[in-house]
């Protein structure tokens, strides 16, 4: 049996996911505003919610420029600085046709969401097939 071919793709954060997070933040702020909490607690909870979203936006700038998997080398992340780093797949999920990869690289967790607006269907399909076969779980 022949070896599975390597899979590589450029990664960019999903605009759909950013819009969904923004909508959820607005709904959370409205819910806090309509709650029976004291005014200063509303401000504190609202500020914490906004800070959480801003922190996630900062993490988005540290996302890799490209991702690769091969049967020999396992997972690799090409950073925006041009340095390639080995990674290990912690888990993966398929959510409504979207693929969520949880990778660990140099002790840090890297969650990659592959949605229709930031990846092509063929790449998602091939990755799902490899992961379902248990091939992507090994690091080499």
C-alpha atoms as a PDB file:
ATOM      1  CA  UNK A   1       0.000   0.000   0.000  1.00  0.00           C
ATOM      2  CA  UNK A   2       1.368   3.415  -0.920  1.00  0.00           C
ATOM      3  CA  UNK A   3       2.001   6.075   1.680  1.00  0.00           C
ATOM      4  CA  UNK A   4      -0.500   8.895   2.085  1.00  0.00           C
ATOM      5  CA  UNK A   5       0.596  12.083   0.339  1.00  0.00           C
ATOM      6  CA  UNK A   6       1.506  15.117   2.408  1.00  0.00           C
ATOM      7  CA  UNK A   7      -1.076  17.859   2.919  1.00  0.00           C
ATOM      8  CA  UNK A   8      -0.089  21.513   3.120  1.00  0.00           C
ATOM      9  CA  UNK A   9      -2.073  24.724   3.054  1.00  0.00           C
ATOM     10  CA  UNK A  10      -1.807  28.410   3.836  1.00  0.00           C
ATOM     11  CA  UNK A  11      -3.740  29.473   6.919  1.00  0.00           C
ATOM     12  CA  UNK A  12      -5.554  32.734   7.487  1.00  0.00           C
ATOM     13  CA  UNK A  13      -8.071  33.436  10.258  1.00  0.00           C
ATOM     14  CA  UNK A  14     -11.731  33.053   9.299  1.00  0.00           C
ATOM     15  CA  UNK A  15     -13.779  36.214   8.808  1.00  0.00           C
ATOM     16  CA  UNK A  16     -16.968  34.240   9.514  1.00  0.00           C
ATOM     17  CA  UNK A  17     -15.633  33.215  12.908  1.00  0.00           C
ATOM     18  CA  UNK A  18     -14.630  36.808  13.715  1.00  0.00           C
ATOM     19  CA  UNK A  19     -18.130  38.035  12.828  1.00  0.00           C
ATOM     20  CA  UNK A  20     -19.717  35.280  14.940  1.00  0.00           C
ATOM     21  CA  UNK A  21     -17.535  36.212  17.932  1.00  0.00           C
ATOM     22  CA  UNK A  22     -18.434  39.889  17.470  1.00  0.00           C
ATOM     23  CA  UNK A  23     -22.151  39.101  17.390  1.00  0.00           C
ATOM     24  CA  UNK A  24     -21.842  36.924  20.487  1.00  0.00           C
ATOM     25  CA  UNK A  25     -19.962  39.714  22.280  1.00  0.00           C
ATOM     26  CA  UNK A  26     -22.708  42.200  21.440  1.00  0.00           C
ATOM     27  CA  UNK A  27     -25.386  39.785  22.678  1.00  0.00           C
ATOM     28  CA  UNK A  28     -23.415  39.202  25.888  1.00  0.00           C
ATOM     29  CA  UNK A  29     -23.097  42.956  26.474  1.00  0.00           C
ATOM     30  CA  UNK A  30     -26.837  43.431  25.901  1.00  0.00           C
ATOM     31  CA  UNK A  31     -27.600  40.576  28.316  1.00  0.00           C
ATOM     32  CA  UNK A  32     -25.337  42.090  30.967  1.00  0.00           C
ATOM     33  CA  UNK A  33     -26.902  45.503  30.406  1.00  0.00           C
ATOM     34  CA  UNK A  34     -30.416  44.107  30.841  1.00  0.00           C
ATOM     35  CA  UNK A  35     -29.514  42.039  33.898  1.00  0.00           C
ATOM     36  CA  UNK A  36     -30.359  43.046  37.437  1.00  0.00           C
ATOM     37  CA  UNK A  37     -26.746  43.473  38.458  1.00  0.00           C
ATOM     38  CA  UNK A  38     -25.503  46.647  40.092  1.00  0.00           C
ATOM     39  CA  UNK A  39     -24.169  49.249  37.660  1.00  0.00           C
ATOM     40  CA  UNK A  40     -20.516  48.865  38.626  1.00  0.00           C
ATOM     41  CA  UNK A  41     -20.728  45.074  38.265  1.00  0.00           C
ATOM     42  CA  UNK A  42     -22.258  45.487  34.785  1.00  0.00           C
ATOM     43  CA  UNK A  43     -19.322  47.671  33.797  1.00  0.00           C
ATOM     44  CA  UNK A  44     -16.845  45.176  35.260  1.00  0.00           C
ATOM     45  CA  UNK A  45     -18.412  42.172  33.500  1.00  0.00           C
ATOM     46  CA  UNK A  46     -18.722  44.084  30.217  1.00  0.00           C
ATOM     47  CA  UNK A  47     -15.086  45.200  30.384  1.00  0.00           C
ATOM     48  CA  UNK A  48     -13.960  41.627  31.127  1.00  0.00           C
ATOM     49  CA  UNK A  49     -15.935  40.368  28.116  1.00  0.00           C
ATOM     50  CA  UNK A  50     -14.379  42.957  25.827  1.00  0.00           C
ATOM     51  CA  UNK A  51     -10.898  42.205  27.223  1.00  0.00           C
ATOM     52  CA  UNK A  52     -11.380  38.503  26.496  1.00  0.00           C
ATOM     53  CA  UNK A  53     -12.298  39.178  22.881  1.00  0.00           C
ATOM     54  CA  UNK A  54      -9.370  41.575  22.456  1.00  0.00           C
ATOM     55  CA  UNK A  55      -7.007  38.944  23.898  1.00  0.00           C
ATOM     56  CA  UNK A  56      -8.269  36.422  21.342  1.00  0.00           C
ATOM     57  CA  UNK A  57      -7.669  38.955  18.564  1.00  0.00           C
ATOM     58  CA  UNK A  58      -4.082  39.375  19.732  1.00  0.00           C
ATOM     59  CA  UNK A  59      -3.643  35.586  19.646  1.00  0.00           C
ATOM     60  CA  UNK A  60      -4.941  35.600  16.052  1.00  0.00           C
ATOM     61  CA  UNK A  61      -1.911  37.634  14.990  1.00  0.00           C
ATOM     62  CA  UNK A  62       0.340  34.791  16.229  1.00  0.00           C
ATOM     63  CA  UNK A  63      -1.359  32.239  13.961  1.00  0.00           C
ATOM     64  CA  UNK A  64       0.844  30.305  11.536  1.00  0.00           C
ATOM     65  CA  UNK A  65       1.145  31.339   7.896  1.00  0.00           C
ATOM     66  CA  UNK A  66       0.967  27.726   6.722  1.00  0.00           C
ATOM     67  CA  UNK A  67       0.242  24.271   8.110  1.00  0.00           C
ATOM     68  CA  UNK A  68       1.502  20.935   6.870  1.00  0.00           C
ATOM     69  CA  UNK A  69       1.145  17.245   7.608  1.00  0.00           C
ATOM     70  CA  UNK A  70       3.130  14.364   6.197  1.00  0.00           C
ATOM     71  CA  UNK A  71       3.251  10.703   7.222  1.00  0.00           C
ATOM     72  CA  UNK A  72       7.016  10.938   7.845  1.00  0.00           C
ATOM     73  CA  UNK A  73       7.369  14.291   9.613  1.00  0.00           C
ATOM     74  CA  UNK A  74       3.943  14.720  11.215  1.00  0.00           C
ATOM     75  CA  UNK A  75       2.497  18.194  11.717  1.00  0.00           C
ATOM     76  CA  UNK A  76       4.437  21.394  11.080  1.00  0.00           C
ATOM     77  CA  UNK A  77       3.565  25.069  11.402  1.00  0.00           C
ATOM     78  CA  UNK A  78       5.248  27.763   9.345  1.00  0.00           C
ATOM     79  CA  UNK A  79       5.253  30.941  11.416  1.00  0.00           C
ATOM     80  CA  UNK A  80       4.761  34.419  10.025  1.00  0.00           C
ATOM     81  CA  UNK A  81       8.477  34.896  10.773  1.00  0.00           C
ATOM     82  CA  UNK A  82       9.319  32.168   8.234  1.00  0.00           C
ATOM     83  CA  UNK A  83      10.460  29.600  10.815  1.00  0.00           C
ATOM     84  CA  UNK A  84       9.015  26.098  10.542  1.00  0.00           C
ATOM     85  CA  UNK A  85       8.185  24.388  13.834  1.00  0.00           C
ATOM     86  CA  UNK A  86       7.104  20.828  14.607  1.00  0.00           C
ATOM     87  CA  UNK A  87       3.657  20.440  16.161  1.00  0.00           C
ATOM     88  CA  UNK A  88       1.591  17.676  17.704  1.00  0.00           C
ATOM     89  CA  UNK A  89      -2.132  17.153  17.184  1.00  0.00           C
ATOM     90  CA  UNK A  90      -3.887  17.194  20.570  1.00  0.00           C
ATOM     91  CA  UNK A  91      -7.416  16.758  19.228  1.00  0.00           C
ATOM     92  CA  UNK A  92      -9.678  17.543  16.317  1.00  0.00           C
ATOM     93  CA  UNK A  93     -13.394  18.066  15.813  1.00  0.00           C
ATOM     94  CA  UNK A  94     -15.704  18.322  12.842  1.00  0.00           C
ATOM     95  CA  UNK A  95     -18.426  20.882  13.520  1.00  0.00           C
ATOM     96  CA  UNK A  96     -21.072  21.343  10.808  1.00  0.00           C
ATOM     97  CA  UNK A  97     -18.608  20.640   7.990  1.00  0.00           C
ATOM     98  CA  UNK A  98     -15.885  22.793   9.545  1.00  0.00           C
ATOM     99  CA  UNK A  99     -12.687  21.299  10.903  1.00  0.00           C
ATOM    100  CA  UNK A 100     -11.167  22.423  14.204  1.00  0.00           C
ATOM    101  CA  UNK A 101      -7.567  21.335  14.832  1.00  0.00           C
ATOM    102  CA  UNK A 102      -6.011  21.639  18.276  1.00  0.00           C
ATOM    103  CA  UNK A 103      -2.232  21.580  17.840  1.00  0.00           C
ATOM    104  CA  UNK A 104       0.541  21.951  20.409  1.00  0.00           C
ATOM    105  CA  UNK A 105       3.712  23.697  19.321  1.00  0.00           C
ATOM    106  CA  UNK A 106       6.554  24.533  21.718  1.00  0.00           C
ATOM    107  CA  UNK A 107       4.254  24.064  24.712  1.00  0.00           C
ATOM    108  CA  UNK A 108       1.557  26.414  23.396  1.00  0.00           C
ATOM    109  CA  UNK A 109      -1.897  25.431  22.233  1.00  0.00           C
ATOM    110  CA  UNK A 110      -2.776  26.484  18.692  1.00  0.00           C
ATOM    111  CA  UNK A 111      -6.454  26.168  17.750  1.00  0.00           C
ATOM    112  CA  UNK A 112      -7.032  26.324  13.995  1.00  0.00           C
ATOM    113  CA  UNK A 113     -10.556  26.671  12.617  1.00  0.00           C
ATOM    114  CA  UNK A 114     -10.895  25.608   8.970  1.00  0.00           C
ATOM    115  CA  UNK A 115     -14.146  27.064   7.641  1.00  0.00           C
ATOM    116  CA  UNK A 116     -15.406  27.544   4.074  1.00  0.00           C
ATOM    117  CA  UNK A 117     -14.112  31.140   3.957  1.00  0.00           C
ATOM    118  CA  UNK A 118     -10.501  30.349   4.895  1.00  0.00           C
ATOM    119  CA  UNK A 119      -9.890  26.895   3.393  1.00  0.00           C
ATOM    120  CA  UNK A 120     -10.964  25.000   0.334  1.00  0.00           C
ATOM    121  CA  UNK A 121     -13.355  22.029   0.597  1.00  0.00           C
ATOM    122  CA  UNK A 122     -10.819  19.570  -0.843  1.00  0.00           C
ATOM    123  CA  UNK A 123      -8.239  20.346   1.843  1.00  0.00           C
ATOM    124  CA  UNK A 124     -10.826  19.970   4.618  1.00  0.00           C
ATOM    125  CA  UNK A 125     -12.060  16.695   3.096  1.00  0.00           C
ATOM    126  CA  UNK A 126      -8.556  15.229   2.763  1.00  0.00           C
ATOM    127  CA  UNK A 127      -7.675  16.251   6.335  1.00  0.00           C
ATOM    128  CA  UNK A 128     -10.915  14.739   7.682  1.00  0.00           C
ATOM    129  CA  UNK A 129     -10.153  11.475   5.859  1.00  0.00           C
ATOM    130  CA  UNK A 130      -6.592  11.306   7.258  1.00  0.00           C
ATOM    131  CA  UNK A 131      -7.748  12.155  10.772  1.00  0.00           C
ATOM    132  CA  UNK A 132     -10.602   9.632  10.655  1.00  0.00           C
ATOM    133  CA  UNK A 133      -8.091   6.979   9.603  1.00  0.00           C
ATOM    134  CA  UNK A 134      -5.910   7.908  12.579  1.00  0.00           C
ATOM    135  CA  UNK A 135      -3.021   9.031  10.380  1.00  0.00           C
ATOM    136  CA  UNK A 136      -2.797  12.638  11.581  1.00  0.00           C
ATOM    137  CA  UNK A 137      -2.578  11.719  15.262  1.00  0.00           C
ATOM    138  CA  UNK A 138       1.046  10.593  14.986  1.00  0.00           C
ATOM    139  CA  UNK A 139       3.842  13.114  15.026  1.00  0.00           C
ATOM    140  CA  UNK A 140       6.344  11.094  13.058  1.00  0.00           C
END
